[in-house]
């Protein structure tokens, strides 16, 4: 990655000190990215698509029979086409606990990172120069919830304002 950035952006015209600082910074970024997002080895490819597994591949610490049964489950295969990957693994946790547990453990950091980023983006949207409230917790809770609001119930129970 570092060499691709260096080749794409010609930094040879810069003074040596500046060029060295940029290279050091890029190497640190590359190391941090590898720490947070390690490369996915071929032994974890079954998590992304459990219906196209190669039986000859060895799966350490995994119940292969359970994975084969899961890959032959046609009802789960139909759900796989319609729902997100984490929902698939959560739905098959009862029937295939060992395989599902390993998949969920692997996928969970991505889901939580997404939720944190979505929450931060929502907070930035709510706290802008046109709407500067000190208390954003109620609005943030409403914005981040996955439950739809029952507007008819809310309107029905709200007292009417009478004119003065």
N, C-alpha and C. Protein backbone atom coordinates (compact mmCIF):
# COMPACT_ATOMS: atom_id res chain seq x y z
N UNK A 1 0.82 -1.18 0.00
CA UNK A 1 0.00 0.00 0.00
C UNK A 1 0.87 1.25 0.00
N UNK A 2 1.92 1.25 0.81
CA UNK A 2 2.80 2.41 0.91
C UNK A 2 3.47 2.71 -0.42
N UNK A 3 3.94 1.69 -1.12
CA UNK A 3 4.61 1.92 -2.41
C UNK A 3 3.62 2.41 -3.45
N UNK A 4 2.37 1.95 -3.37
CA UNK A 4 1.37 2.42 -4.33
C UNK A 4 1.10 3.91 -4.14
N UNK A 5 1.04 4.36 -2.91
CA UNK A 5 0.83 5.79 -2.65
C UNK A 5 2.04 6.59 -3.09
N UNK A 6 3.24 6.07 -2.84
CA UNK A 6 4.44 6.77 -3.25
C UNK A 6 4.54 6.86 -4.77
N UNK A 7 4.16 5.80 -5.47
CA UNK A 7 4.21 5.82 -6.93
C UNK A 7 3.14 6.74 -7.51
N UNK A 8 1.97 6.76 -6.86
CA UNK A 8 0.88 7.59 -7.35
C UNK A 8 1.14 9.08 -7.13
N UNK A 9 1.71 9.41 -5.99
CA UNK A 9 2.03 10.81 -5.66
C UNK A 9 3.53 10.97 -5.63
N UNK A 10 4.05 11.71 -6.56
CA UNK A 10 5.48 11.92 -6.67
C UNK A 10 5.94 12.85 -5.54
N UNK A 11 6.63 12.26 -4.54
CA UNK A 11 7.09 13.08 -3.43
C UNK A 11 8.59 13.34 -3.51
N UNK A 12 9.18 13.07 -4.68
CA UNK A 12 10.62 13.27 -4.83
C UNK A 12 10.99 14.75 -4.90
N UNK A 13 10.04 15.62 -5.23
CA UNK A 13 10.33 17.05 -5.33
C UNK A 13 10.35 17.71 -3.95
N UNK A 14 9.88 17.03 -2.94
CA UNK A 14 9.84 17.59 -1.58
C UNK A 14 11.21 17.51 -0.93
N UNK A 15 11.43 18.36 0.04
CA UNK A 15 12.70 18.23 0.81
C UNK A 15 12.75 16.86 1.49
N UNK A 16 13.96 16.38 1.72
CA UNK A 16 14.15 15.03 2.27
C UNK A 16 13.47 14.88 3.63
N UNK A 17 13.53 15.90 4.49
CA UNK A 17 12.91 15.81 5.82
C UNK A 17 11.40 15.63 5.72
N UNK A 18 10.77 16.40 4.84
CA UNK A 18 9.32 16.30 4.66
C UNK A 18 8.95 14.95 4.08
N UNK A 19 9.70 14.50 3.10
CA UNK A 19 9.44 13.20 2.48
C UNK A 19 9.58 12.08 3.51
N UNK A 20 10.59 12.17 4.37
CA UNK A 20 10.78 11.14 5.40
C UNK A 20 9.63 11.14 6.40
N UNK A 21 9.14 12.32 6.77
CA UNK A 21 8.00 12.41 7.70
C UNK A 21 6.73 11.80 7.08
N UNK A 22 6.51 12.08 5.81
CA UNK A 22 5.34 11.54 5.13
C UNK A 22 5.43 10.01 5.07
N UNK A 23 6.61 9.50 4.71
CA UNK A 23 6.78 8.05 4.64
C UNK A 23 6.59 7.39 6.01
N UNK A 24 7.11 8.02 7.05
CA UNK A 24 6.95 7.48 8.41
C UNK A 24 5.47 7.47 8.81
N UNK A 25 4.77 8.54 8.48
CA UNK A 25 3.34 8.62 8.80
C UNK A 25 2.54 7.56 8.04
N UNK A 26 2.85 7.37 6.77
CA UNK A 26 2.15 6.36 5.97
C UNK A 26 2.43 4.95 6.48
N UNK A 27 3.65 4.69 6.92
CA UNK A 27 3.97 3.37 7.48
C UNK A 27 3.19 3.12 8.77
N UNK A 28 3.05 4.17 9.59
CA UNK A 28 2.25 4.04 10.81
C UNK A 28 0.79 3.78 10.51
N UNK A 29 0.24 4.48 9.49
CA UNK A 29 -1.14 4.24 9.09
C UNK A 29 -1.34 2.80 8.59
N UNK A 30 -0.39 2.34 7.80
CA UNK A 30 -0.49 0.98 7.27
C UNK A 30 -0.45 -0.05 8.40
N UNK A 31 0.41 0.17 9.39
CA UNK A 31 0.48 -0.76 10.52
C UNK A 31 -0.82 -0.74 11.33
N UNK A 32 -1.40 0.45 11.53
CA UNK A 32 -2.67 0.54 12.27
C UNK A 32 -3.81 -0.13 11.52
N UNK A 33 -3.86 0.05 10.21
CA UNK A 33 -4.91 -0.60 9.42
C UNK A 33 -4.79 -2.11 9.48
N UNK A 34 -3.58 -2.63 9.44
CA UNK A 34 -3.38 -4.08 9.51
C UNK A 34 -3.77 -4.61 10.89
N UNK A 35 -3.59 -3.77 11.92
CA UNK A 35 -3.97 -4.19 13.28
C UNK A 35 -5.48 -4.25 13.43
N UNK A 36 -6.18 -3.24 12.92
CA UNK A 36 -7.63 -3.19 13.06
C UNK A 36 -8.35 -4.09 12.06
N UNK A 37 -7.79 -4.24 10.87
CA UNK A 37 -8.41 -5.05 9.84
C UNK A 37 -7.40 -6.08 9.32
N UNK A 38 -7.20 -7.16 10.07
CA UNK A 38 -6.24 -8.17 9.62
C UNK A 38 -6.76 -8.86 8.36
N UNK A 39 -5.86 -9.35 7.53
CA UNK A 39 -6.32 -10.02 6.31
C UNK A 39 -7.12 -11.27 6.64
N UNK A 40 -8.15 -11.51 5.86
CA UNK A 40 -9.01 -12.68 6.07
C UNK A 40 -8.36 -13.86 5.37
N UNK A 41 -8.05 -14.87 6.14
CA UNK A 41 -7.44 -16.04 5.52
C UNK A 41 -8.51 -16.92 4.91
N UNK A 42 -8.08 -17.88 4.13
CA UNK A 42 -9.04 -18.73 3.41
C UNK A 42 -9.85 -19.62 4.35
N UNK A 43 -9.38 -19.82 5.57
CA UNK A 43 -10.14 -20.64 6.53
C UNK A 43 -11.39 -19.93 7.02
N UNK A 44 -11.52 -18.63 6.80
CA UNK A 44 -12.70 -17.88 7.24
C UNK A 44 -13.65 -17.55 6.09
N UNK A 45 -13.37 -18.04 4.90
CA UNK A 45 -14.22 -17.75 3.73
C UNK A 45 -15.61 -18.35 3.89
N UNK A 46 -15.75 -19.41 4.65
CA UNK A 46 -17.05 -20.04 4.87
C UNK A 46 -18.02 -19.11 5.60
N UNK A 47 -17.51 -18.13 6.32
CA UNK A 47 -18.38 -17.20 7.05
C UNK A 47 -19.14 -16.33 6.06
N UNK A 48 -18.45 -15.85 5.04
CA UNK A 48 -19.07 -14.98 4.05
C UNK A 48 -20.13 -15.70 3.23
N UNK A 49 -19.82 -16.94 2.85
CA UNK A 49 -20.78 -17.73 2.07
C UNK A 49 -20.69 -19.19 2.52
N UNK A 50 -21.53 -19.59 3.47
CA UNK A 50 -21.45 -20.97 3.97
C UNK A 50 -21.99 -22.01 2.98
N UNK A 51 -22.56 -21.56 1.87
CA UNK A 51 -23.15 -22.49 0.91
C UNK A 51 -22.21 -22.83 -0.24
N UNK A 52 -21.03 -22.24 -0.25
CA UNK A 52 -20.06 -22.57 -1.29
C UNK A 52 -18.74 -22.96 -0.65
N UNK A 53 -18.78 -23.90 0.26
CA UNK A 53 -17.57 -24.32 0.95
C UNK A 53 -16.88 -25.43 0.17
N UNK A 54 -15.59 -25.50 0.34
CA UNK A 54 -14.79 -26.56 -0.25
C UNK A 54 -14.52 -27.59 0.84
N UNK A 55 -15.02 -28.78 0.68
CA UNK A 55 -14.92 -29.81 1.72
C UNK A 55 -13.46 -30.22 1.96
N UNK A 56 -12.62 -30.12 0.92
CA UNK A 56 -11.22 -30.52 1.08
C UNK A 56 -10.44 -29.57 1.98
N UNK A 57 -10.94 -28.34 2.14
CA UNK A 57 -10.25 -27.38 2.99
C UNK A 57 -10.37 -27.83 4.44
N UNK A 58 -9.28 -27.71 5.16
CA UNK A 58 -9.32 -28.09 6.58
C UNK A 58 -9.78 -26.89 7.39
N UNK A 59 -10.68 -27.16 8.33
CA UNK A 59 -11.21 -26.12 9.19
C UNK A 59 -10.78 -26.42 10.62
N UNK A 60 -9.72 -25.76 11.10
CA UNK A 60 -9.30 -26.04 12.47
C UNK A 60 -10.34 -25.50 13.46
N UNK A 61 -10.53 -26.22 14.55
CA UNK A 61 -11.45 -25.83 15.63
C UNK A 61 -12.87 -25.63 15.12
N UNK A 62 -13.32 -26.45 14.22
CA UNK A 62 -14.65 -26.29 13.67
C UNK A 62 -15.30 -27.66 13.49
N UNK A 63 -16.57 -27.71 13.74
CA UNK A 63 -17.34 -28.93 13.54
C UNK A 63 -17.72 -29.02 12.06
N UNK A 64 -16.96 -29.79 11.30
CA UNK A 64 -17.12 -29.86 9.85
C UNK A 64 -18.46 -30.47 9.48
N UNK A 65 -18.92 -31.45 10.23
CA UNK A 65 -20.21 -32.07 9.93
C UNK A 65 -21.34 -31.06 10.04
N UNK A 66 -21.26 -30.24 11.05
CA UNK A 66 -22.28 -29.20 11.24
C UNK A 66 -22.24 -28.18 10.10
N UNK A 67 -21.04 -27.83 9.65
CA UNK A 67 -20.91 -26.89 8.54
C UNK A 67 -21.46 -27.50 7.24
N UNK A 68 -21.25 -28.79 7.04
CA UNK A 68 -21.78 -29.47 5.85
C UNK A 68 -23.31 -29.50 5.90
N UNK A 69 -23.87 -29.81 7.07
CA UNK A 69 -25.33 -29.79 7.22
C UNK A 69 -25.89 -28.40 6.93
N UNK A 70 -25.23 -27.39 7.46
CA UNK A 70 -25.67 -26.01 7.24
C UNK A 70 -25.62 -25.66 5.76
N UNK A 71 -24.57 -26.08 5.07
CA UNK A 71 -24.43 -25.74 3.65
C UNK A 71 -25.47 -26.42 2.78
N UNK A 72 -26.09 -27.50 3.29
CA UNK A 72 -27.13 -28.20 2.54
C UNK A 72 -28.54 -27.75 2.92
N UNK A 73 -28.67 -26.85 3.86
CA UNK A 73 -29.98 -26.38 4.34
C UNK A 73 -30.57 -25.41 3.31
N UNK A 74 -31.57 -25.87 2.55
CA UNK A 74 -32.14 -25.06 1.47
C UNK A 74 -32.97 -23.89 1.99
N UNK A 75 -33.64 -24.08 3.11
CA UNK A 75 -34.43 -22.98 3.68
C UNK A 75 -33.52 -21.83 4.10
N UNK A 76 -32.38 -22.16 4.70
CA UNK A 76 -31.42 -21.14 5.11
C UNK A 76 -30.79 -20.49 3.89
N UNK A 77 -30.62 -21.25 2.83
CA UNK A 77 -30.04 -20.70 1.60
C UNK A 77 -30.97 -19.65 0.98
N UNK A 78 -32.27 -19.87 1.06
CA UNK A 78 -33.23 -18.87 0.57
C UNK A 78 -33.18 -17.60 1.41
N UNK A 79 -33.04 -17.76 2.72
CA UNK A 79 -32.94 -16.60 3.60
C UNK A 79 -31.64 -15.85 3.33
N UNK A 80 -30.59 -16.58 2.99
CA UNK A 80 -29.27 -15.99 2.73
C UNK A 80 -29.32 -14.95 1.61
N UNK A 81 -30.20 -15.19 0.63
CA UNK A 81 -30.30 -14.28 -0.51
C UNK A 81 -31.00 -12.97 -0.15
N UNK A 82 -31.78 -12.96 0.93
CA UNK A 82 -32.63 -11.82 1.26
C UNK A 82 -32.16 -10.99 2.45
N UNK A 83 -31.43 -11.59 3.38
CA UNK A 83 -31.12 -10.91 4.63
C UNK A 83 -29.63 -10.67 4.78
N UNK A 84 -29.24 -9.74 5.66
CA UNK A 84 -27.81 -9.49 5.92
C UNK A 84 -27.12 -10.71 6.54
N UNK A 85 -25.83 -10.76 6.38
CA UNK A 85 -25.04 -11.91 6.80
C UNK A 85 -25.14 -12.15 8.31
N UNK A 86 -25.08 -11.11 9.11
CA UNK A 86 -25.13 -11.29 10.56
C UNK A 86 -26.49 -11.85 10.98
N UNK A 87 -27.56 -11.45 10.29
CA UNK A 87 -28.89 -11.99 10.60
C UNK A 87 -28.97 -13.48 10.29
N UNK A 88 -28.30 -13.91 9.24
CA UNK A 88 -28.29 -15.34 8.89
C UNK A 88 -27.67 -16.15 10.01
N UNK A 89 -26.50 -15.68 10.48
CA UNK A 89 -25.80 -16.43 11.52
C UNK A 89 -26.55 -16.38 12.84
N UNK A 90 -27.21 -15.28 13.14
CA UNK A 90 -28.00 -15.21 14.37
C UNK A 90 -29.21 -16.14 14.29
N UNK A 91 -29.81 -16.25 13.12
CA UNK A 91 -31.00 -17.10 12.98
C UNK A 91 -30.68 -18.59 13.05
N UNK A 92 -29.47 -18.98 12.70
CA UNK A 92 -29.13 -20.40 12.74
C UNK A 92 -28.35 -20.78 13.99
N UNK A 93 -28.32 -19.90 14.97
CA UNK A 93 -27.57 -20.15 16.20
C UNK A 93 -28.14 -21.33 17.00
N UNK A 94 -29.45 -21.53 16.97
CA UNK A 94 -30.06 -22.64 17.72
C UNK A 94 -29.73 -24.00 17.10
N UNK A 95 -29.78 -24.05 15.78
CA UNK A 95 -29.61 -25.33 15.09
C UNK A 95 -28.14 -25.72 14.91
N UNK A 96 -27.29 -24.73 14.67
CA UNK A 96 -25.86 -24.98 14.45
C UNK A 96 -25.05 -24.09 15.39
N UNK A 97 -25.02 -24.39 16.69
CA UNK A 97 -24.44 -23.46 17.67
C UNK A 97 -22.93 -23.25 17.54
N UNK A 98 -22.18 -24.30 17.25
CA UNK A 98 -20.72 -24.17 17.20
C UNK A 98 -20.29 -23.33 16.02
N UNK A 99 -20.83 -23.62 14.87
CA UNK A 99 -20.47 -22.90 13.65
C UNK A 99 -20.95 -21.45 13.73
N UNK A 100 -22.17 -21.26 14.19
CA UNK A 100 -22.73 -19.91 14.27
C UNK A 100 -21.97 -19.06 15.28
N UNK A 101 -21.56 -19.65 16.38
CA UNK A 101 -20.82 -18.90 17.41
C UNK A 101 -19.50 -18.38 16.86
N UNK A 102 -18.80 -19.21 16.11
CA UNK A 102 -17.53 -18.76 15.52
C UNK A 102 -17.75 -17.66 14.49
N UNK A 103 -18.79 -17.79 13.69
CA UNK A 103 -19.08 -16.77 12.68
C UNK A 103 -19.48 -15.45 13.34
N UNK A 104 -20.33 -15.51 14.35
CA UNK A 104 -20.77 -14.30 15.04
C UNK A 104 -19.60 -13.62 15.73
N UNK A 105 -18.73 -14.40 16.35
CA UNK A 105 -17.55 -13.83 17.00
C UNK A 105 -16.66 -13.11 16.00
N UNK A 106 -16.56 -13.67 14.80
CA UNK A 106 -15.74 -13.04 13.76
C UNK A 106 -16.40 -11.77 13.21
N UNK A 107 -17.73 -11.80 13.04
CA UNK A 107 -18.43 -10.67 12.42
C UNK A 107 -18.78 -9.54 13.39
N UNK A 108 -18.83 -9.79 14.66
CA UNK A 108 -19.32 -8.81 15.63
C UNK A 108 -18.54 -7.48 15.63
N UNK A 109 -17.22 -7.46 15.51
CA UNK A 109 -16.55 -6.15 15.50
C UNK A 109 -17.00 -5.25 14.36
N UNK A 110 -17.34 -5.81 13.21
CA UNK A 110 -17.77 -5.00 12.09
C UNK A 110 -19.12 -4.36 12.35
N UNK A 111 -20.02 -5.11 12.99
CA UNK A 111 -21.35 -4.60 13.30
C UNK A 111 -21.26 -3.49 14.33
N UNK A 112 -20.47 -3.69 15.39
CA UNK A 112 -20.37 -2.67 16.43
C UNK A 112 -19.68 -1.42 15.92
N UNK A 113 -18.69 -1.58 15.05
CA UNK A 113 -18.03 -0.42 14.46
C UNK A 113 -19.02 0.38 13.62
N UNK A 114 -19.86 -0.31 12.87
CA UNK A 114 -20.86 0.36 12.06
C UNK A 114 -21.83 1.14 12.94
N UNK A 115 -22.28 0.51 14.02
CA UNK A 115 -23.23 1.18 14.91
C UNK A 115 -22.61 2.43 15.54
N UNK A 116 -21.34 2.35 15.93
CA UNK A 116 -20.66 3.52 16.51
C UNK A 116 -20.55 4.64 15.48
N UNK A 117 -20.17 4.30 14.26
CA UNK A 117 -20.06 5.30 13.21
C UNK A 117 -21.41 5.92 12.88
N UNK A 118 -22.46 5.11 12.84
CA UNK A 118 -23.80 5.63 12.57
C UNK A 118 -24.25 6.56 13.68
N UNK A 119 -23.95 6.20 14.93
CA UNK A 119 -24.30 7.06 16.06
C UNK A 119 -23.55 8.38 16.02
N UNK A 120 -22.28 8.34 15.68
CA UNK A 120 -21.50 9.57 15.60
C UNK A 120 -22.00 10.47 14.47
N UNK A 121 -22.32 9.88 13.33
CA UNK A 121 -22.85 10.67 12.21
C UNK A 121 -24.18 11.31 12.57
N UNK A 122 -25.02 10.57 13.29
CA UNK A 122 -26.31 11.11 13.72
C UNK A 122 -26.10 12.25 14.71
N UNK A 123 -25.15 12.10 15.62
CA UNK A 123 -24.87 13.16 16.59
C UNK A 123 -24.37 14.42 15.89
N UNK A 124 -23.52 14.25 14.90
CA UNK A 124 -23.03 15.41 14.14
C UNK A 124 -24.18 16.09 13.41
N UNK A 125 -25.12 15.30 12.89
CA UNK A 125 -26.29 15.86 12.22
C UNK A 125 -27.16 16.64 13.20
N UNK A 126 -27.36 16.10 14.40
CA UNK A 126 -28.22 16.75 15.38
C UNK A 126 -27.59 17.99 16.00
N UNK A 127 -26.28 17.96 16.21
CA UNK A 127 -25.59 19.09 16.84
C UNK A 127 -24.95 19.95 15.75
N UNK A 128 -25.75 20.78 15.12
CA UNK A 128 -25.20 21.68 14.12
C UNK A 128 -25.44 23.12 14.55
N UNK A 129 -24.99 24.07 13.77
CA UNK A 129 -25.09 25.46 14.18
C UNK A 129 -26.53 25.98 14.16
N UNK A 130 -27.42 25.29 13.47
CA UNK A 130 -28.82 25.73 13.42
C UNK A 130 -29.64 25.12 14.55
N UNK A 131 -29.14 24.06 15.14
CA UNK A 131 -29.88 23.37 16.20
C UNK A 131 -28.91 23.01 17.31
N UNK A 132 -28.62 23.94 18.15
CA UNK A 132 -27.61 23.76 19.17
C UNK A 132 -28.27 23.52 20.52
N UNK A 133 -28.68 22.29 20.78
CA UNK A 133 -29.25 21.92 22.07
C UNK A 133 -28.18 21.23 22.91
N UNK A 134 -28.26 21.43 24.20
CA UNK A 134 -27.30 20.76 25.06
C UNK A 134 -27.66 19.30 25.28
N UNK A 135 -28.96 18.98 25.28
CA UNK A 135 -29.42 17.62 25.52
C UNK A 135 -29.86 16.97 24.21
N UNK A 136 -29.06 16.05 23.72
CA UNK A 136 -29.41 15.37 22.47
C UNK A 136 -29.79 13.91 22.69
N UNK A 137 -29.72 13.43 23.93
CA UNK A 137 -29.98 12.01 24.19
C UNK A 137 -31.35 11.55 23.71
N UNK A 138 -32.46 12.30 24.01
CA UNK A 138 -33.76 11.82 23.54
C UNK A 138 -33.85 11.75 22.01
N UNK A 139 -33.36 12.79 21.34
CA UNK A 139 -33.41 12.81 19.87
C UNK A 139 -32.50 11.73 19.28
N UNK A 140 -31.34 11.54 19.89
CA UNK A 140 -30.40 10.53 19.41
C UNK A 140 -30.99 9.13 19.58
N UNK A 141 -31.67 8.89 20.69
CA UNK A 141 -32.31 7.59 20.91
C UNK A 141 -33.38 7.31 19.88
N UNK A 142 -34.18 8.33 19.55
CA UNK A 142 -35.24 8.15 18.56
C UNK A 142 -34.64 7.91 17.18
N UNK A 143 -33.60 8.65 16.86
CA UNK A 143 -32.99 8.54 15.53
C UNK A 143 -32.29 7.19 15.33
N UNK A 144 -31.73 6.61 16.39
CA UNK A 144 -30.95 5.38 16.26
C UNK A 144 -31.76 4.11 16.49
N UNK A 145 -32.99 4.23 16.95
CA UNK A 145 -33.78 3.04 17.22
C UNK A 145 -34.24 2.37 15.93
N UNK A 146 -34.43 1.08 16.01
CA UNK A 146 -34.91 0.35 14.83
C UNK A 146 -36.42 0.14 14.88
N UNK A 147 -37.07 0.60 15.96
CA UNK A 147 -38.52 0.47 16.09
C UNK A 147 -39.21 1.64 15.43
N UNK A 148 -40.24 1.40 14.63
CA UNK A 148 -40.97 2.50 14.01
C UNK A 148 -41.87 3.20 15.04
N UNK A 149 -42.03 4.49 14.89
CA UNK A 149 -42.86 5.26 15.81
C UNK A 149 -44.34 5.03 15.47
N UNK A 150 -45.16 4.89 16.49
CA UNK A 150 -46.60 4.75 16.33
C UNK A 150 -47.19 6.16 16.38
N UNK A 151 -47.23 6.84 15.25
CA UNK A 151 -47.64 8.24 15.21
C UNK A 151 -49.11 8.42 15.58
N UNK A 152 -49.97 7.51 15.18
CA UNK A 152 -51.39 7.63 15.53
C UNK A 152 -51.57 7.63 17.05
N UNK A 153 -50.88 6.74 17.73
CA UNK A 153 -50.97 6.66 19.19
C UNK A 153 -50.44 7.95 19.83
N UNK A 154 -49.32 8.45 19.32
CA UNK A 154 -48.73 9.65 19.88
C UNK A 154 -49.63 10.87 19.68
N UNK A 155 -50.21 10.99 18.51
CA UNK A 155 -51.08 12.13 18.22
C UNK A 155 -52.37 12.03 19.02
N UNK A 156 -52.92 10.84 19.16
CA UNK A 156 -54.18 10.65 19.88
C UNK A 156 -54.04 11.01 21.36
N UNK A 157 -52.89 10.73 21.96
CA UNK A 157 -52.69 10.97 23.38
C UNK A 157 -52.12 12.34 23.70
N UNK A 158 -51.87 13.14 22.69
CA UNK A 158 -51.34 14.49 22.90
C UNK A 158 -52.52 15.43 23.11
N UNK A 159 -52.55 16.22 24.22
CA UNK A 159 -53.65 17.15 24.42
C UNK A 159 -53.64 18.28 23.38
N UNK A 160 -54.80 18.68 22.98
CA UNK A 160 -54.92 19.77 21.99
C UNK A 160 -54.65 21.11 22.64
N UNK A 161 -54.06 21.99 21.88
CA UNK A 161 -53.82 23.36 22.37
C UNK A 161 -55.05 24.20 22.00
N UNK A 162 -55.59 24.83 22.98
CA UNK A 162 -56.72 25.73 22.70
C UNK A 162 -56.20 27.12 22.50
N UNK A 163 -56.90 27.89 21.72
CA UNK A 163 -56.48 29.27 21.48
C UNK A 163 -56.77 30.13 22.71
N UNK A 164 -56.10 31.20 22.88
CA UNK A 164 -56.22 32.05 24.08
C UNK A 164 -57.32 33.03 23.92
